[in-house]
Amino acid sequence: MFNKATLALLLTTAVFVRNVPAASEPPRMYSSERPIETETAGLPLPGAVPGSMTLRPCAGCQLITLQLTTAAQFFIDRKPVTFADLHALAQKSSANVVVFYDTKTSAVTRIVVTDVR
């Protein structure tokens, strides 16, 4: 019926196919970064970096204190800016702000300002 070489090949293939993982869903990606949406009027920026800021993620949420370090990045309408530029804009205009922070370290990773009015 089968010679030894064919039988060995069939058994090897069966073992190989059985041990190959089935195509499954791709690995999940997890982010430890979370956003807080606010406006410049309610943005409690510290006077300088490093510093800290206390924000309420939502109306019913408890206040959280975030650390603002030199690693944080600042953007106004997708353009990178300095902390001084961001601070000046927050004091004189109204705009939407998203503060992104690392949930593990409570460090601000970036602050993005859009819709400057």
N, C-alpha and C. Protein backbone atom coordinates (compact mmCIF):
# COMPACT_ATOMS: atom_id res chain seq x y z
N MET A 1 0.83 -1.17 0.00
CA MET A 1 0.00 0.00 0.00
C MET A 1 0.88 1.25 0.00
N PHE A 2 1.58 1.62 1.12
CA PHE A 2 2.53 2.73 1.15
C PHE A 2 3.91 2.18 1.41
N ASN A 3 4.89 2.74 0.77
CA ASN A 3 6.25 2.33 1.13
C ASN A 3 6.69 3.13 2.35
N LYS A 4 7.78 2.79 2.94
CA LYS A 4 8.23 3.41 4.19
C LYS A 4 8.48 4.91 4.04
N ALA A 5 9.02 5.35 2.96
CA ALA A 5 9.32 6.77 2.74
C ALA A 5 8.03 7.58 2.66
N THR A 6 7.02 7.07 1.94
CA THR A 6 5.75 7.77 1.82
C THR A 6 5.04 7.84 3.17
N LEU A 7 5.05 6.72 3.90
CA LEU A 7 4.43 6.67 5.22
C LEU A 7 5.11 7.65 6.17
N ALA A 8 6.44 7.70 6.15
CA ALA A 8 7.18 8.64 7.00
C ALA A 8 6.84 10.09 6.64
N LEU A 9 6.72 10.37 5.35
CA LEU A 9 6.37 11.71 4.91
C LEU A 9 4.95 12.09 5.36
N LEU A 10 4.01 11.18 5.26
CA LEU A 10 2.64 11.43 5.70
C LEU A 10 2.58 11.67 7.20
N LEU A 11 3.29 10.86 7.97
CA LEU A 11 3.29 11.03 9.43
C LEU A 11 3.95 12.36 9.83
N THR A 12 5.04 12.71 9.18
CA THR A 12 5.71 13.98 9.48
C THR A 12 4.81 15.15 9.15
N THR A 13 4.14 15.08 8.02
CA THR A 13 3.22 16.15 7.62
C THR A 13 2.06 16.27 8.60
N ALA A 14 1.52 15.14 9.03
CA ALA A 14 0.40 15.15 9.98
C ALA A 14 0.84 15.77 11.31
N VAL A 15 2.02 15.43 11.77
CA VAL A 15 2.52 16.00 13.02
C VAL A 15 2.77 17.49 12.86
N PHE A 16 3.36 17.89 11.74
CA PHE A 16 3.64 19.30 11.50
C PHE A 16 2.36 20.11 11.43
N VAL A 17 1.38 19.64 10.66
CA VAL A 17 0.12 20.37 10.50
C VAL A 17 -0.61 20.46 11.83
N ARG A 18 -0.55 19.42 12.62
CA ARG A 18 -1.23 19.43 13.92
C ARG A 18 -0.59 20.42 14.88
N ASN A 19 0.71 20.65 14.78
CA ASN A 19 1.41 21.53 15.71
C ASN A 19 1.50 22.99 15.23
N VAL A 20 1.07 23.27 14.02
CA VAL A 20 1.08 24.63 13.53
C VAL A 20 -0.16 25.34 14.08
N PRO A 21 0.03 26.46 14.73
CA PRO A 21 -1.14 27.15 15.27
C PRO A 21 -2.07 27.61 14.16
N ALA A 22 -3.33 27.50 14.42
CA ALA A 22 -4.33 27.93 13.45
C ALA A 22 -4.26 29.45 13.31
N ALA A 23 -4.66 29.91 12.15
CA ALA A 23 -4.70 31.36 11.95
C ALA A 23 -5.69 31.94 12.96
N SER A 24 -5.18 32.77 13.79
CA SER A 24 -6.04 33.35 14.82
C SER A 24 -6.06 34.85 14.67
N GLU A 25 -6.79 35.49 15.54
CA GLU A 25 -6.85 36.94 15.48
C GLU A 25 -5.48 37.53 15.76
N PRO A 26 -5.21 38.68 15.20
CA PRO A 26 -3.89 39.29 15.42
C PRO A 26 -3.71 39.67 16.89
N PRO A 27 -2.47 39.82 17.32
CA PRO A 27 -2.24 40.19 18.71
C PRO A 27 -2.88 41.54 19.03
N ARG A 28 -3.38 41.65 20.23
CA ARG A 28 -4.03 42.90 20.64
C ARG A 28 -2.99 43.92 21.07
N MET A 29 -3.29 45.15 20.75
CA MET A 29 -2.42 46.24 21.17
C MET A 29 -3.08 46.96 22.33
N TYR A 30 -2.29 47.26 23.31
CA TYR A 30 -2.80 47.98 24.47
C TYR A 30 -2.03 49.28 24.60
N SER A 31 -2.75 50.32 24.93
CA SER A 31 -2.12 51.61 25.14
C SER A 31 -2.31 52.02 26.58
N SER A 32 -1.26 52.51 27.17
CA SER A 32 -1.39 52.99 28.55
C SER A 32 -1.63 54.50 28.55
N GLU A 33 -1.86 55.06 27.35
CA GLU A 33 -2.09 56.49 27.22
C GLU A 33 -3.59 56.77 27.15
N ARG A 34 -4.04 57.76 27.92
CA ARG A 34 -5.45 58.15 27.92
C ARG A 34 -5.57 59.65 27.66
N PRO A 35 -6.69 60.07 27.04
CA PRO A 35 -6.91 61.50 26.81
C PRO A 35 -7.89 62.10 27.80
N ILE A 36 -7.74 63.37 28.04
CA ILE A 36 -8.72 64.17 28.78
C ILE A 36 -9.02 65.37 27.91
N GLU A 37 -10.30 65.55 27.57
CA GLU A 37 -10.71 66.68 26.74
C GLU A 37 -11.16 67.82 27.64
N THR A 38 -10.72 69.02 27.31
CA THR A 38 -11.10 70.21 28.07
C THR A 38 -10.98 71.43 27.16
N GLU A 39 -11.03 72.60 27.72
CA GLU A 39 -10.82 73.84 26.96
C GLU A 39 -9.71 74.63 27.63
N THR A 40 -9.14 75.56 26.89
CA THR A 40 -8.03 76.34 27.45
C THR A 40 -8.46 77.08 28.71
N ALA A 41 -9.72 77.49 28.78
CA ALA A 41 -10.20 78.22 29.97
C ALA A 41 -10.13 77.34 31.22
N GLY A 42 -10.27 76.04 31.08
CA GLY A 42 -10.23 75.15 32.23
C GLY A 42 -8.94 74.37 32.36
N LEU A 43 -7.91 74.83 31.67
CA LEU A 43 -6.64 74.09 31.66
C LEU A 43 -5.69 74.65 32.73
N PRO A 44 -5.47 73.90 33.80
CA PRO A 44 -4.63 74.39 34.90
C PRO A 44 -3.14 74.14 34.65
N LEU A 45 -2.57 74.86 33.71
CA LEU A 45 -1.15 74.68 33.40
C LEU A 45 -0.28 75.20 34.53
N PRO A 46 0.81 74.48 34.84
CA PRO A 46 1.74 75.01 35.84
C PRO A 46 2.50 76.19 35.25
N GLY A 47 3.19 76.92 36.10
CA GLY A 47 3.96 78.07 35.63
C GLY A 47 5.16 77.68 34.80
N ALA A 48 5.68 76.49 35.01
CA ALA A 48 6.87 76.04 34.29
C ALA A 48 6.90 74.52 34.25
N VAL A 49 7.79 74.00 33.42
CA VAL A 49 8.01 72.56 33.32
C VAL A 49 9.35 72.27 33.96
N PRO A 50 9.50 71.30 34.84
CA PRO A 50 8.48 70.36 35.28
C PRO A 50 7.50 71.00 36.26
N GLY A 51 6.33 70.38 36.33
CA GLY A 51 5.28 70.84 37.22
C GLY A 51 4.17 69.82 37.25
N SER A 52 3.07 70.17 37.87
CA SER A 52 1.94 69.25 37.91
C SER A 52 0.66 70.01 37.60
N MET A 53 -0.33 69.27 37.16
CA MET A 53 -1.64 69.85 36.87
C MET A 53 -2.71 68.88 37.33
N THR A 54 -3.78 69.42 37.87
CA THR A 54 -4.87 68.60 38.38
C THR A 54 -6.09 68.81 37.50
N LEU A 55 -6.60 67.71 36.96
CA LEU A 55 -7.72 67.75 36.03
C LEU A 55 -8.79 66.75 36.44
N ARG A 56 -10.00 66.98 35.97
CA ARG A 56 -11.11 66.04 36.17
C ARG A 56 -11.39 65.41 34.80
N PRO A 57 -11.14 64.10 34.64
CA PRO A 57 -11.34 63.45 33.33
C PRO A 57 -12.78 63.54 32.80
N CYS A 58 -13.76 63.55 33.70
CA CYS A 58 -15.16 63.69 33.30
C CYS A 58 -15.92 64.37 34.43
N ALA A 59 -17.14 64.77 34.15
CA ALA A 59 -17.92 65.52 35.15
C ALA A 59 -18.09 64.73 36.45
N GLY A 60 -18.27 63.44 36.37
CA GLY A 60 -18.48 62.62 37.57
C GLY A 60 -17.22 61.96 38.10
N CYS A 61 -16.09 62.23 37.48
CA CYS A 61 -14.83 61.58 37.87
C CYS A 61 -14.10 62.35 38.97
N GLN A 62 -13.26 61.63 39.69
CA GLN A 62 -12.42 62.27 40.70
C GLN A 62 -11.28 63.02 40.01
N LEU A 63 -10.78 64.03 40.68
CA LEU A 63 -9.63 64.77 40.17
C LEU A 63 -8.41 63.87 40.13
N ILE A 64 -7.59 64.07 39.11
CA ILE A 64 -6.30 63.36 39.05
C ILE A 64 -5.20 64.39 38.87
N THR A 65 -4.08 64.12 39.48
CA THR A 65 -2.92 65.01 39.35
C THR A 65 -1.94 64.37 38.39
N LEU A 66 -1.58 65.13 37.37
CA LEU A 66 -0.66 64.65 36.34
C LEU A 66 0.65 65.42 36.42
N GLN A 67 1.73 64.72 36.14
CA GLN A 67 3.06 65.34 36.16
C GLN A 67 3.41 65.81 34.76
N LEU A 68 3.81 67.04 34.65
CA LEU A 68 4.24 67.61 33.39
C LEU A 68 5.76 67.64 33.41
N THR A 69 6.38 66.83 32.55
CA THR A 69 7.83 66.72 32.51
C THR A 69 8.38 67.30 31.22
N THR A 70 9.68 67.35 31.12
CA THR A 70 10.32 67.87 29.92
C THR A 70 10.12 66.93 28.72
N ALA A 71 9.66 65.71 28.96
CA ALA A 71 9.42 64.77 27.86
C ALA A 71 8.09 65.04 27.16
N ALA A 72 7.23 65.84 27.77
CA ALA A 72 5.91 66.13 27.18
C ALA A 72 6.08 66.95 25.90
N GLN A 73 5.16 66.72 24.96
CA GLN A 73 5.17 67.46 23.71
C GLN A 73 3.93 68.34 23.64
N PHE A 74 4.04 69.47 22.96
CA PHE A 74 2.94 70.43 22.88
C PHE A 74 2.68 70.76 21.42
N PHE A 75 1.38 70.80 21.06
CA PHE A 75 1.00 71.06 19.68
C PHE A 75 -0.16 72.06 19.65
N ILE A 76 -0.10 72.99 18.71
CA ILE A 76 -1.21 73.89 18.42
C ILE A 76 -1.54 73.67 16.95
N ASP A 77 -2.76 73.19 16.70
CA ASP A 77 -3.19 72.87 15.33
C ASP A 77 -2.14 72.04 14.59
N ARG A 78 -1.71 70.96 15.21
CA ARG A 78 -0.76 69.98 14.65
C ARG A 78 0.67 70.48 14.52
N LYS A 79 0.94 71.70 14.93
CA LYS A 79 2.28 72.26 14.82
C LYS A 79 2.97 72.18 16.18
N PRO A 80 4.16 71.58 16.25
CA PRO A 80 4.87 71.53 17.53
C PRO A 80 5.21 72.93 18.03
N VAL A 81 4.98 73.16 19.32
CA VAL A 81 5.28 74.46 19.92
C VAL A 81 5.97 74.24 21.26
N THR A 82 6.48 75.31 21.82
CA THR A 82 7.12 75.24 23.14
C THR A 82 6.05 75.35 24.22
N PHE A 83 6.42 75.04 25.44
CA PHE A 83 5.50 75.19 26.56
C PHE A 83 5.12 76.66 26.73
N ALA A 84 6.06 77.56 26.53
CA ALA A 84 5.78 78.99 26.64
C ALA A 84 4.71 79.43 25.64
N ASP A 85 4.79 78.92 24.40
CA ASP A 85 3.78 79.24 23.38
C ASP A 85 2.42 78.71 23.80
N LEU A 86 2.39 77.49 24.29
CA LEU A 86 1.13 76.90 24.74
C LEU A 86 0.54 77.68 25.91
N HIS A 87 1.38 78.04 26.84
CA HIS A 87 0.94 78.78 28.03
C HIS A 87 0.36 80.14 27.63
N ALA A 88 1.02 80.83 26.72
CA ALA A 88 0.54 82.14 26.26
C ALA A 88 -0.81 82.01 25.55
N LEU A 89 -0.95 80.99 24.71
CA LEU A 89 -2.20 80.79 24.00
C LEU A 89 -3.34 80.47 24.97
N ALA A 90 -3.07 79.64 25.95
CA ALA A 90 -4.10 79.23 26.92
C ALA A 90 -4.60 80.43 27.72
N GLN A 91 -3.76 81.40 27.95
CA GLN A 91 -4.15 82.57 28.75
C GLN A 91 -4.97 83.58 27.96
N LYS A 92 -4.80 83.63 26.63
CA LYS A 92 -5.44 84.71 25.88
C LYS A 92 -6.52 84.28 24.90
N SER A 93 -6.74 82.97 24.71
CA SER A 93 -7.75 82.56 23.73
C SER A 93 -8.53 81.35 24.23
N SER A 94 -9.56 81.03 23.49
CA SER A 94 -10.39 79.87 23.80
C SER A 94 -10.17 78.82 22.72
N ALA A 95 -9.93 77.59 23.14
CA ALA A 95 -9.69 76.52 22.18
C ALA A 95 -9.96 75.18 22.85
N ASN A 96 -10.12 74.15 22.03
CA ASN A 96 -10.26 72.80 22.54
C ASN A 96 -8.88 72.24 22.85
N VAL A 97 -8.80 71.48 23.94
CA VAL A 97 -7.52 70.92 24.37
C VAL A 97 -7.70 69.45 24.70
N VAL A 98 -6.75 68.63 24.29
CA VAL A 98 -6.71 67.23 24.71
C VAL A 98 -5.37 67.02 25.40
N VAL A 99 -5.45 66.58 26.66
CA VAL A 99 -4.25 66.27 27.43
C VAL A 99 -4.11 64.76 27.45
N PHE A 100 -3.04 64.25 26.87
CA PHE A 100 -2.78 62.81 26.86
C PHE A 100 -1.82 62.50 28.00
N TYR A 101 -2.12 61.43 28.73
CA TYR A 101 -1.24 61.06 29.84
C TYR A 101 -1.07 59.55 29.92
N ASP A 102 0.03 59.14 30.50
CA ASP A 102 0.34 57.73 30.71
C ASP A 102 -0.34 57.28 32.00
N THR A 103 -1.21 56.28 31.90
CA THR A 103 -1.97 55.84 33.07
C THR A 103 -1.09 55.15 34.11
N LYS A 104 0.04 54.64 33.70
CA LYS A 104 0.93 53.95 34.66
C LYS A 104 1.77 54.92 35.47
N THR A 105 2.16 56.03 34.84
CA THR A 105 3.06 56.97 35.52
C THR A 105 2.39 58.29 35.87
N SER A 106 1.20 58.53 35.36
CA SER A 106 0.48 59.81 35.52
C SER A 106 1.28 60.98 34.95
N ALA A 107 2.09 60.70 33.94
CA ALA A 107 2.88 61.74 33.30
C ALA A 107 2.19 62.17 32.01
N VAL A 108 2.12 63.46 31.80
CA VAL A 108 1.56 64.00 30.55
C VAL A 108 2.53 63.65 29.42
N THR A 109 1.98 63.08 28.34
CA THR A 109 2.82 62.75 27.20
C THR A 109 2.75 63.83 26.13
N ARG A 110 1.55 64.43 25.99
CA ARG A 110 1.40 65.53 25.03
C ARG A 110 0.13 66.31 25.32
N ILE A 111 0.14 67.54 24.89
CA ILE A 111 -1.04 68.40 24.98
C ILE A 111 -1.28 68.95 23.58
N VAL A 112 -2.50 68.73 23.09
CA VAL A 112 -2.85 69.12 21.72
C VAL A 112 -3.98 70.15 21.80
N VAL A 113 -3.76 71.32 21.20
CA VAL A 113 -4.76 72.39 21.16
C VAL A 113 -5.26 72.51 19.72
N THR A 114 -6.60 72.54 19.58
CA THR A 114 -7.21 72.68 18.24
C THR A 114 -8.34 73.70 18.31
N ASP A 115 -8.82 74.10 17.17
CA ASP A 115 -9.94 75.04 17.07
C ASP A 115 -9.70 76.32 17.86
N VAL A 116 -8.56 76.92 17.64
CA VAL A 116 -8.23 78.16 18.35
C VAL A 116 -9.19 79.25 17.90
N ARG A 117 -9.82 79.92 18.89
CA ARG A 117 -10.78 80.99 18.57
C ARG A 117 -10.32 82.30 19.16
